[in-house]
Amino acid sequence: MSQTHKKTDDDFADSRLAKIFILENGFFVDLEDEMTVEVTQNDVAGTLDPLLVVALGIATTMLLASSLLIARRWRRRLEKPEASAPLNS
């Protein structure tokens, strides 16, 4: 059974202390630190719920349709001449 060793704060502290010791004693070390994160497909934050996508699509469609209807009615109201008051003689 193989076990993978995950870096902990102690590992980072030990690594940093070793680096300081080596550099203070005149050694030159070309060193590069790397941190990685493994992301799995089961991550909830990384995927959108299909229901949410459908709800956003419906909301966008309704907003677009209502804005087009309002703009159309507004244009018609501007094009229609205002009725003048009847003349009483």
N, C-alpha and C. Protein backbone atom coordinates (compact mmCIF):
# COMPACT_ATOMS: atom_id res chain seq x y z
N MET A 1 0.84 -1.16 0.00
CA MET A 1 0.00 0.00 0.00
C MET A 1 0.90 1.24 0.00
N SER A 2 0.77 2.06 -1.03
CA SER A 2 1.64 3.23 -1.11
C SER A 2 0.93 4.43 -0.50
N GLN A 3 1.70 5.22 0.20
CA GLN A 3 1.15 6.42 0.81
C GLN A 3 1.84 7.62 0.18
N THR A 4 1.03 8.63 -0.12
CA THR A 4 1.62 9.86 -0.66
C THR A 4 1.82 10.83 0.49
N HIS A 5 2.93 11.50 0.45
CA HIS A 5 3.26 12.45 1.50
C HIS A 5 2.84 13.84 1.03
N LYS A 6 1.96 14.47 1.80
CA LYS A 6 1.55 15.83 1.49
C LYS A 6 2.37 16.79 2.33
N LYS A 7 2.78 17.88 1.71
CA LYS A 7 3.59 18.86 2.42
C LYS A 7 2.75 19.54 3.50
N THR A 8 3.34 19.71 4.63
CA THR A 8 2.69 20.41 5.73
C THR A 8 3.50 21.65 6.06
N ASP A 9 3.00 22.41 7.00
CA ASP A 9 3.71 23.63 7.41
C ASP A 9 5.10 23.30 7.93
N ASP A 10 5.26 22.15 8.63
CA ASP A 10 6.57 21.76 9.14
C ASP A 10 7.55 21.49 8.00
N ASP A 11 7.06 20.86 6.93
CA ASP A 11 7.93 20.61 5.78
C ASP A 11 8.42 21.92 5.17
N PHE A 12 7.51 22.89 5.05
CA PHE A 12 7.90 24.17 4.49
C PHE A 12 8.89 24.88 5.42
N ALA A 13 8.65 24.81 6.72
CA ALA A 13 9.57 25.44 7.67
C ALA A 13 10.95 24.79 7.61
N ASP A 14 10.96 23.45 7.55
CA ASP A 14 12.25 22.75 7.45
C ASP A 14 12.98 23.13 6.17
N SER A 15 12.26 23.20 5.09
CA SER A 15 12.86 23.56 3.81
C SER A 15 13.43 24.98 3.86
N ARG A 16 12.68 25.88 4.47
CA ARG A 16 13.15 27.26 4.57
C ARG A 16 14.39 27.36 5.46
N LEU A 17 14.40 26.64 6.58
CA LEU A 17 15.57 26.66 7.47
C LEU A 17 16.79 26.07 6.78
N ALA A 18 16.60 25.01 6.01
CA ALA A 18 17.73 24.42 5.28
C ALA A 18 18.26 25.40 4.25
N LYS A 19 17.37 26.10 3.59
CA LYS A 19 17.78 27.09 2.58
C LYS A 19 18.58 28.21 3.24
N ILE A 20 18.09 28.71 4.38
CA ILE A 20 18.79 29.78 5.09
C ILE A 20 20.18 29.31 5.53
N PHE A 21 20.28 28.09 6.06
CA PHE A 21 21.56 27.54 6.51
C PHE A 21 22.55 27.45 5.35
N ILE A 22 22.08 26.94 4.22
CA ILE A 22 22.97 26.77 3.07
C ILE A 22 23.44 28.12 2.55
N LEU A 23 22.53 29.09 2.46
CA LEU A 23 22.89 30.40 1.93
C LEU A 23 23.80 31.17 2.90
N GLU A 24 23.58 31.02 4.21
CA GLU A 24 24.42 31.73 5.19
C GLU A 24 25.83 31.16 5.24
N ASN A 25 26.03 29.92 4.84
CA ASN A 25 27.34 29.29 4.89
C ASN A 25 28.07 29.33 3.55
N GLY A 26 27.64 30.19 2.66
CA GLY A 26 28.38 30.43 1.43
C GLY A 26 28.10 29.48 0.28
N PHE A 27 27.14 28.62 0.41
CA PHE A 27 26.79 27.75 -0.72
C PHE A 27 25.86 28.49 -1.67
N PHE A 28 25.93 28.15 -2.94
CA PHE A 28 25.00 28.71 -3.91
C PHE A 28 24.12 27.57 -4.40
N VAL A 29 22.83 27.76 -4.24
CA VAL A 29 21.88 26.73 -4.66
C VAL A 29 20.84 27.40 -5.56
N ASP A 30 20.68 26.85 -6.73
CA ASP A 30 19.64 27.32 -7.64
C ASP A 30 18.37 26.54 -7.27
N LEU A 31 17.43 27.22 -6.65
CA LEU A 31 16.28 26.56 -6.06
C LEU A 31 15.00 27.20 -6.56
N GLU A 32 14.04 26.37 -6.83
CA GLU A 32 12.75 26.87 -7.27
C GLU A 32 11.67 26.15 -6.49
N ASP A 33 10.82 26.92 -5.81
CA ASP A 33 9.70 26.34 -5.05
C ASP A 33 8.47 26.27 -5.94
N GLU A 34 7.73 25.21 -5.78
CA GLU A 34 6.54 25.03 -6.60
C GLU A 34 5.42 24.50 -5.72
N MET A 35 4.25 25.10 -5.87
CA MET A 35 3.06 24.62 -5.16
C MET A 35 2.00 24.30 -6.21
N THR A 36 1.38 23.15 -6.07
CA THR A 36 0.35 22.74 -7.02
C THR A 36 -0.93 22.40 -6.30
N VAL A 37 -2.04 22.49 -7.02
CA VAL A 37 -3.34 22.13 -6.50
C VAL A 37 -3.98 21.17 -7.48
N GLU A 38 -4.51 20.09 -6.97
CA GLU A 38 -5.20 19.13 -7.82
C GLU A 38 -6.69 19.40 -7.77
N VAL A 39 -7.29 19.60 -8.94
CA VAL A 39 -8.72 19.87 -9.03
C VAL A 39 -9.38 18.65 -9.65
N THR A 40 -10.42 18.19 -9.01
CA THR A 40 -11.14 17.03 -9.53
C THR A 40 -12.42 17.47 -10.22
N GLN A 41 -12.99 16.59 -11.00
CA GLN A 41 -14.24 16.89 -11.70
C GLN A 41 -15.42 17.01 -10.75
N ASN A 42 -15.32 16.45 -9.57
CA ASN A 42 -16.43 16.47 -8.63
C ASN A 42 -16.48 17.75 -7.81
N ASP A 43 -15.65 18.71 -8.15
CA ASP A 43 -15.65 19.99 -7.44
C ASP A 43 -16.97 20.72 -7.70
N VAL A 44 -17.71 21.04 -6.65
CA VAL A 44 -19.00 21.70 -6.81
C VAL A 44 -18.81 23.14 -7.27
N ALA A 45 -17.77 23.80 -6.79
CA ALA A 45 -17.55 25.20 -7.14
C ALA A 45 -17.16 25.36 -8.60
N GLY A 46 -16.62 24.33 -9.22
CA GLY A 46 -16.15 24.45 -10.59
C GLY A 46 -17.21 24.21 -11.65
N THR A 47 -18.37 23.70 -11.30
CA THR A 47 -19.40 23.41 -12.28
C THR A 47 -20.68 24.15 -11.93
N LEU A 48 -21.44 24.49 -12.96
CA LEU A 48 -22.73 25.13 -12.75
C LEU A 48 -23.82 24.07 -12.77
N ASP A 49 -24.77 24.24 -11.90
CA ASP A 49 -25.91 23.34 -11.85
C ASP A 49 -26.73 23.55 -13.13
N PRO A 50 -27.14 22.50 -13.82
CA PRO A 50 -27.94 22.66 -15.04
C PRO A 50 -29.23 23.45 -14.81
N LEU A 51 -29.83 23.29 -13.64
CA LEU A 51 -31.04 24.04 -13.34
C LEU A 51 -30.76 25.54 -13.30
N LEU A 52 -29.60 25.91 -12.77
CA LEU A 52 -29.21 27.32 -12.73
C LEU A 52 -29.02 27.88 -14.13
N VAL A 53 -28.43 27.10 -15.02
CA VAL A 53 -28.22 27.54 -16.39
C VAL A 53 -29.56 27.76 -17.09
N VAL A 54 -30.50 26.84 -16.88
CA VAL A 54 -31.83 26.97 -17.49
C VAL A 54 -32.55 28.19 -16.93
N ALA A 55 -32.48 28.39 -15.61
CA ALA A 55 -33.13 29.54 -14.98
C ALA A 55 -32.55 30.85 -15.50
N LEU A 56 -31.22 30.92 -15.65
CA LEU A 56 -30.60 32.14 -16.18
C LEU A 56 -31.00 32.37 -17.64
N GLY A 57 -31.12 31.31 -18.41
CA GLY A 57 -31.55 31.44 -19.81
C GLY A 57 -32.97 31.96 -19.90
N ILE A 58 -33.87 31.44 -19.07
CA ILE A 58 -35.26 31.90 -19.08
C ILE A 58 -35.35 33.35 -18.63
N ALA A 59 -34.62 33.71 -17.59
CA ALA A 59 -34.64 35.09 -17.10
C ALA A 59 -34.10 36.06 -18.16
N THR A 60 -33.05 35.67 -18.85
CA THR A 60 -32.49 36.52 -19.90
C THR A 60 -33.48 36.70 -21.05
N THR A 61 -34.14 35.61 -21.44
CA THR A 61 -35.13 35.68 -22.52
C THR A 61 -36.29 36.58 -22.13
N MET A 62 -36.78 36.44 -20.92
CA MET A 62 -37.90 37.27 -20.48
C MET A 62 -37.51 38.74 -20.41
N LEU A 63 -36.31 39.02 -19.93
CA LEU A 63 -35.84 40.40 -19.86
C LEU A 63 -35.71 41.01 -21.25
N LEU A 64 -35.16 40.26 -22.18
CA LEU A 64 -35.02 40.74 -23.55
C LEU A 64 -36.38 40.99 -24.20
N ALA A 65 -37.30 40.04 -24.04
CA ALA A 65 -38.63 40.18 -24.64
C ALA A 65 -39.38 41.38 -24.06
N SER A 66 -39.33 41.54 -22.74
CA SER A 66 -40.04 42.67 -22.13
C SER A 66 -39.42 44.00 -22.54
N SER A 67 -38.10 44.07 -22.65
CA SER A 67 -37.48 45.33 -23.07
C SER A 67 -37.82 45.67 -24.52
N LEU A 68 -37.91 44.65 -25.37
CA LEU A 68 -38.31 44.91 -26.76
C LEU A 68 -39.75 45.39 -26.84
N LEU A 69 -40.65 44.80 -26.07
CA LEU A 69 -42.05 45.24 -26.06
C LEU A 69 -42.19 46.67 -25.54
N ILE A 70 -41.48 47.00 -24.49
CA ILE A 70 -41.54 48.36 -23.94
C ILE A 70 -41.00 49.37 -24.94
N ALA A 71 -39.89 49.04 -25.60
CA ALA A 71 -39.30 49.96 -26.59
C ALA A 71 -40.25 50.14 -27.77
N ARG A 72 -40.90 49.08 -28.19
CA ARG A 72 -41.83 49.16 -29.32
C ARG A 72 -43.03 50.04 -28.98
N ARG A 73 -43.59 49.86 -27.79
CA ARG A 73 -44.73 50.69 -27.38
C ARG A 73 -44.31 52.14 -27.21
N TRP A 74 -43.11 52.37 -26.72
CA TRP A 74 -42.63 53.74 -26.54
C TRP A 74 -42.48 54.44 -27.89
N ARG A 75 -41.92 53.70 -28.88
CA ARG A 75 -41.76 54.26 -30.22
C ARG A 75 -43.11 54.60 -30.85
N ARG A 76 -44.08 53.71 -30.68
CA ARG A 76 -45.42 53.97 -31.24
C ARG A 76 -46.05 55.19 -30.59
N ARG A 77 -45.84 55.35 -29.30
CA ARG A 77 -46.41 56.50 -28.61
C ARG A 77 -45.78 57.79 -29.11
N LEU A 78 -44.49 57.78 -29.44
CA LEU A 78 -43.84 58.98 -29.95
C LEU A 78 -44.28 59.30 -31.38
N GLU A 79 -44.55 58.27 -32.18
CA GLU A 79 -44.95 58.48 -33.57
C GLU A 79 -46.40 58.94 -33.67
N LYS A 80 -47.25 58.54 -32.75
CA LYS A 80 -48.67 58.88 -32.79
C LYS A 80 -48.84 60.35 -32.43
N PRO A 81 -49.51 61.13 -33.30
CA PRO A 81 -49.72 62.55 -32.96
C PRO A 81 -50.71 62.67 -31.80
N GLU A 82 -50.48 63.65 -30.99
CA GLU A 82 -51.37 63.85 -29.85
C GLU A 82 -52.68 64.42 -30.34
N ALA A 83 -53.76 63.90 -29.80
CA ALA A 83 -55.09 64.37 -30.20
C ALA A 83 -55.31 65.74 -29.59
N SER A 84 -55.76 66.67 -30.45
CA SER A 84 -56.02 68.03 -29.95
C SER A 84 -57.37 68.04 -29.27
N ALA A 85 -57.54 68.97 -28.39
CA ALA A 85 -58.80 69.10 -27.66
C ALA A 85 -59.90 69.53 -28.63
N PRO A 86 -61.13 69.02 -28.45
CA PRO A 86 -62.23 69.40 -29.34
C PRO A 86 -62.56 70.89 -29.20
N LEU A 87 -62.89 71.47 -30.34
CA LEU A 87 -63.22 72.90 -30.34
C LEU A 87 -64.68 73.09 -29.98
N ASN A 88 -64.94 73.94 -29.03
CA ASN A 88 -66.32 74.27 -28.64
C ASN A 88 -66.63 75.69 -29.12
N SER A 89 -67.58 75.77 -30.03
CA SER A 89 -67.91 77.10 -30.53
C SER A 89 -69.33 77.46 -30.19
